[in-house]
Amino acid sequence: MTVTTNIPAWPLSDEQKQIVELCRDFATKEIRPEAVRWTRPTP
C-alpha cells in the first residue's frame, strides 16, 4: 500500500492554503531550530 502525503481529502480554499503556509513557515523558523538546539550537545 502506498501512502501519499500533502494531498488534502478535499480542495482547500485560498484562505486555508494561506493558513497552512503560515503554519509551515512558523514550524521552519520557530519549532525546528529549537528542536535542533535541544538535541545537540552543548560544547
PDB file of N, CA and C in Angstrom:
ATOM      1  N   MET A   1       0.841  -1.189   0.000  1.00  0.00           N
ATOM      2  CA  MET A   1       0.000   0.000   0.000  1.00  0.00           C
ATOM      3  C   MET A   1       0.883   1.248   0.000  1.00  0.00           C
ATOM      4  N   THR A   2       0.574   2.178  -0.853  1.00  0.00           N
ATOM      5  CA  THR A   2       1.327   3.423  -0.953  1.00  0.00           C
ATOM      6  C   THR A   2       0.648   4.501  -0.122  1.00  0.00           C
ATOM      7  N   VAL A   3       1.435   5.188   0.681  1.00  0.00           N
ATOM      8  CA  VAL A   3       0.912   6.284   1.491  1.00  0.00           C
ATOM      9  C   VAL A   3       1.340   7.592   0.839  1.00  0.00           C
ATOM     10  N   THR A   4       0.379   8.465   0.607  1.00  0.00           N
ATOM     11  CA  THR A   4       0.652   9.748  -0.018  1.00  0.00           C
ATOM     12  C   THR A   4       0.409  10.850   1.002  1.00  0.00           C
ATOM     13  N   THR A   5       1.306  11.821   1.051  1.00  0.00           N
ATOM     14  CA  THR A   5       1.132  12.936   1.974  1.00  0.00           C
ATOM     15  C   THR A   5       0.950  14.230   1.199  1.00  0.00           C
ATOM     16  N   ASN A   6       0.464  15.233   1.892  1.00  0.00           N
ATOM     17  CA  ASN A   6       0.276  16.575   1.337  1.00  0.00           C
ATOM     18  C   ASN A   6      -0.779  16.641   0.246  1.00  0.00           C
ATOM     19  N   ILE A   7      -1.665  15.682   0.200  1.00  0.00           N
ATOM     20  CA  ILE A   7      -2.794  15.751  -0.726  1.00  0.00           C
ATOM     21  C   ILE A   7      -4.063  15.783   0.128  1.00  0.00           C
ATOM     22  N   PRO A   8      -4.749  16.913   0.153  1.00  0.00           N
ATOM     23  CA  PRO A   8      -5.937  17.009   1.002  1.00  0.00           C
ATOM     24  C   PRO A   8      -7.062  16.109   0.507  1.00  0.00           C
ATOM     25  N   ALA A   9      -7.921  15.711   1.431  1.00  0.00           N
ATOM     26  CA  ALA A   9      -9.060  14.864   1.084  1.00  0.00           C
ATOM     27  C   ALA A   9     -10.098  15.646   0.279  1.00  0.00           C
ATOM     28  N   TRP A  10     -10.051  16.965   0.365  1.00  0.00           N
ATOM     29  CA  TRP A  10     -10.954  17.820  -0.404  1.00  0.00           C
ATOM     30  C   TRP A  10     -10.190  19.096  -0.763  1.00  0.00           C
ATOM     31  N   PRO A  11     -10.641  19.836  -1.755  1.00  0.00           N
ATOM     32  CA  PRO A  11      -9.925  21.060  -2.157  1.00  0.00           C
ATOM     33  C   PRO A  11      -9.929  22.105  -1.036  1.00  0.00           C
ATOM     34  N   LEU A  12      -8.791  22.715  -0.813  1.00  0.00           N
ATOM     35  CA  LEU A  12      -8.690  23.771   0.193  1.00  0.00           C
ATOM     36  C   LEU A  12      -8.988  25.125  -0.442  1.00  0.00           C
ATOM     37  N   SER A  13      -9.612  25.985   0.343  1.00  0.00           N
ATOM     38  CA  SER A  13      -9.850  27.348  -0.136  1.00  0.00           C
ATOM     39  C   SER A  13      -8.528  28.114  -0.109  1.00  0.00           C
ATOM     40  N   ASP A  14      -8.499  29.261  -0.744  1.00  0.00           N
ATOM     41  CA  ASP A  14      -7.287  30.084  -0.740  1.00  0.00           C
ATOM     42  C   ASP A  14      -6.900  30.479   0.685  1.00  0.00           C
ATOM     43  N   GLU A  15      -7.907  30.791   1.505  1.00  0.00           N
ATOM     44  CA  GLU A  15      -7.636  31.170   2.894  1.00  0.00           C
ATOM     45  C   GLU A  15      -7.021  29.997   3.665  1.00  0.00           C
ATOM     46  N   GLN A  16      -7.534  28.800   3.455  1.00  0.00           N
ATOM     47  CA  GLN A  16      -6.987  27.622   4.125  1.00  0.00           C
ATOM     48  C   GLN A  16      -5.551  27.352   3.677  1.00  0.00           C
ATOM     49  N   LYS A  17      -5.278  27.544   2.399  1.00  0.00           N
ATOM     50  CA  LYS A  17      -3.913  27.357   1.889  1.00  0.00           C
ATOM     51  C   LYS A  17      -2.957  28.359   2.529  1.00  0.00           C
ATOM     52  N   GLN A  18      -3.414  29.601   2.727  1.00  0.00           N
ATOM     53  CA  GLN A  18      -2.578  30.614   3.370  1.00  0.00           C
ATOM     54  C   GLN A  18      -2.276  30.234   4.818  1.00  0.00           C
ATOM     55  N   ILE A  19      -3.264  29.677   5.512  1.00  0.00           N
ATOM     56  CA  ILE A  19      -3.068  29.252   6.896  1.00  0.00           C
ATOM     57  C   ILE A  19      -2.055  28.114   6.969  1.00  0.00           C
ATOM     58  N   VAL A  20      -2.155  27.163   6.064  1.00  0.00           N
ATOM     59  CA  VAL A  20      -1.196  26.056   6.021  1.00  0.00           C
ATOM     60  C   VAL A  20       0.208  26.596   5.781  1.00  0.00           C
ATOM     61  N   GLU A  21       0.343  27.544   4.879  1.00  0.00           N
ATOM     62  CA  GLU A  21       1.657  28.129   4.590  1.00  0.00           C
ATOM     63  C   GLU A  21       2.214  28.859   5.808  1.00  0.00           C
ATOM     64  N   LEU A  22       1.368  29.592   6.526  1.00  0.00           N
ATOM     65  CA  LEU A  22       1.813  30.266   7.743  1.00  0.00           C
ATOM     66  C   LEU A  22       2.301  29.260   8.782  1.00  0.00           C
ATOM     67  N   CYS A  23       1.579  28.159   8.927  1.00  0.00           N
ATOM     68  CA  CYS A  23       1.980  27.120   9.884  1.00  0.00           C
ATOM     69  C   CYS A  23       3.313  26.499   9.489  1.00  0.00           C
ATOM     70  N   ARG A  24       3.502  26.249   8.214  1.00  0.00           N
ATOM     71  CA  ARG A  24       4.779  25.681   7.753  1.00  0.00           C
ATOM     72  C   ARG A  24       5.928  26.653   8.001  1.00  0.00           C
ATOM     73  N   ASP A  25       5.706  27.931   7.717  1.00  0.00           N
ATOM     74  CA  ASP A  25       6.741  28.936   7.963  1.00  0.00           C
ATOM     75  C   ASP A  25       7.085  29.006   9.452  1.00  0.00           C
ATOM     76  N   PHE A  26       6.062  28.979  10.299  1.00  0.00           N
ATOM     77  CA  PHE A  26       6.286  29.015  11.746  1.00  0.00           C
ATOM     78  C   PHE A  26       7.097  27.804  12.195  1.00  0.00           C
ATOM     79  N   ALA A  27       6.741  26.635  11.686  1.00  0.00           N
ATOM     80  CA  ALA A  27       7.473  25.419  12.058  1.00  0.00           C
ATOM     81  C   ALA A  27       8.929  25.507  11.625  1.00  0.00           C
ATOM     82  N   THR A  28       9.164  26.010  10.434  1.00  0.00           N
ATOM     83  CA  THR A  28      10.529  26.107   9.917  1.00  0.00           C
ATOM     84  C   THR A  28      11.364  27.095  10.724  1.00  0.00           C
ATOM     85  N   LYS A  29      10.769  28.227  11.082  1.00  0.00           N
ATOM     86  CA  LYS A  29      11.538  29.290  11.730  1.00  0.00           C
ATOM     87  C   LYS A  29      11.597  29.156  13.248  1.00  0.00           C
ATOM     88  N   GLU A  30      10.550  28.636  13.872  1.00  0.00           N
ATOM     89  CA  GLU A  30      10.456  28.642  15.333  1.00  0.00           C
ATOM     90  C   GLU A  30      10.639  27.266  15.970  1.00  0.00           C
ATOM     91  N   ILE A  31       9.983  26.267  15.440  1.00  0.00           N
ATOM     92  CA  ILE A  31       9.980  24.959  16.097  1.00  0.00           C
ATOM     93  C   ILE A  31      11.228  24.159  15.760  1.00  0.00           C
ATOM     94  N   ARG A  32      11.560  24.036  14.506  1.00  0.00           N
ATOM     95  CA  ARG A  32      12.697  23.195  14.116  1.00  0.00           C
ATOM     96  C   ARG A  32      14.026  23.677  14.673  1.00  0.00           C
ATOM     97  N   PRO A  33      14.351  24.977  14.640  1.00  0.00           N
ATOM     98  CA  PRO A  33      15.629  25.399  15.236  1.00  0.00           C
ATOM     99  C   PRO A  33      15.723  25.060  16.726  1.00  0.00           C
ATOM    100  N   GLU A  34      14.620  25.181  17.469  1.00  0.00           N
ATOM    101  CA  GLU A  34      14.616  24.819  18.885  1.00  0.00           C
ATOM    102  C   GLU A  34      14.870  23.329  19.062  1.00  0.00           C
ATOM    103  N   ALA A  35      14.263  22.520  18.229  1.00  0.00           N
ATOM    104  CA  ALA A  35      14.455  21.072  18.327  1.00  0.00           C
ATOM    105  C   ALA A  35      15.915  20.717  18.077  1.00  0.00           C
ATOM    106  N   VAL A  36      16.527  21.359  17.105  1.00  0.00           N
ATOM    107  CA  VAL A  36      17.938  21.094  16.810  1.00  0.00           C
ATOM    108  C   VAL A  36      18.801  21.542  17.980  1.00  0.00           C
ATOM    109  N   ARG A  37      18.491  22.686  18.547  1.00  0.00           N
ATOM    110  CA  ARG A  37      19.274  23.209  19.672  1.00  0.00           C
ATOM    111  C   ARG A  37      19.211  22.266  20.863  1.00  0.00           C
ATOM    112  N   TRP A  38      18.039  21.689  21.115  1.00  0.00           N
ATOM    113  CA  TRP A  38      17.880  20.812  22.277  1.00  0.00           C
ATOM    114  C   TRP A  38      18.447  19.417  22.052  1.00  0.00           C
ATOM    115  N   THR A  39      18.647  19.009  20.807  1.00  0.00           N
ATOM    116  CA  THR A  39      19.147  17.662  20.556  1.00  0.00           C
ATOM    117  C   THR A  39      20.656  17.621  20.392  1.00  0.00           C
ATOM    118  N   ARG A  40      21.300  18.759  20.197  1.00  0.00           N
ATOM    119  CA  ARG A  40      22.756  18.791  20.054  1.00  0.00           C
ATOM    120  C   ARG A  40      23.406  19.036  21.414  1.00  0.00           C
ATOM    121  N   PRO A  41      24.478  18.326  21.697  1.00  0.00           N
ATOM    122  CA  PRO A  41      25.173  18.579  22.971  1.00  0.00           C
ATOM    123  C   PRO A  41      25.829  19.956  22.971  1.00  0.00           C
ATOM    124  N   THR A  42      25.856  20.589  24.109  1.00  0.00           N
ATOM    125  CA  THR A  42      26.499  21.895  24.206  1.00  0.00           C
ATOM    126  C   THR A  42      28.001  21.701  24.353  1.00  0.00           C
ATOM    127  N   PRO A  43      28.789  22.539  23.715  1.00  0.00           N
ATOM    128  CA  PRO A  43      30.254  22.380  23.789  1.00  0.00           C
ATOM    129  C   PRO A  43      30.814  22.730  25.154  1.00  0.00           C
TER     130      PRO A  43
END
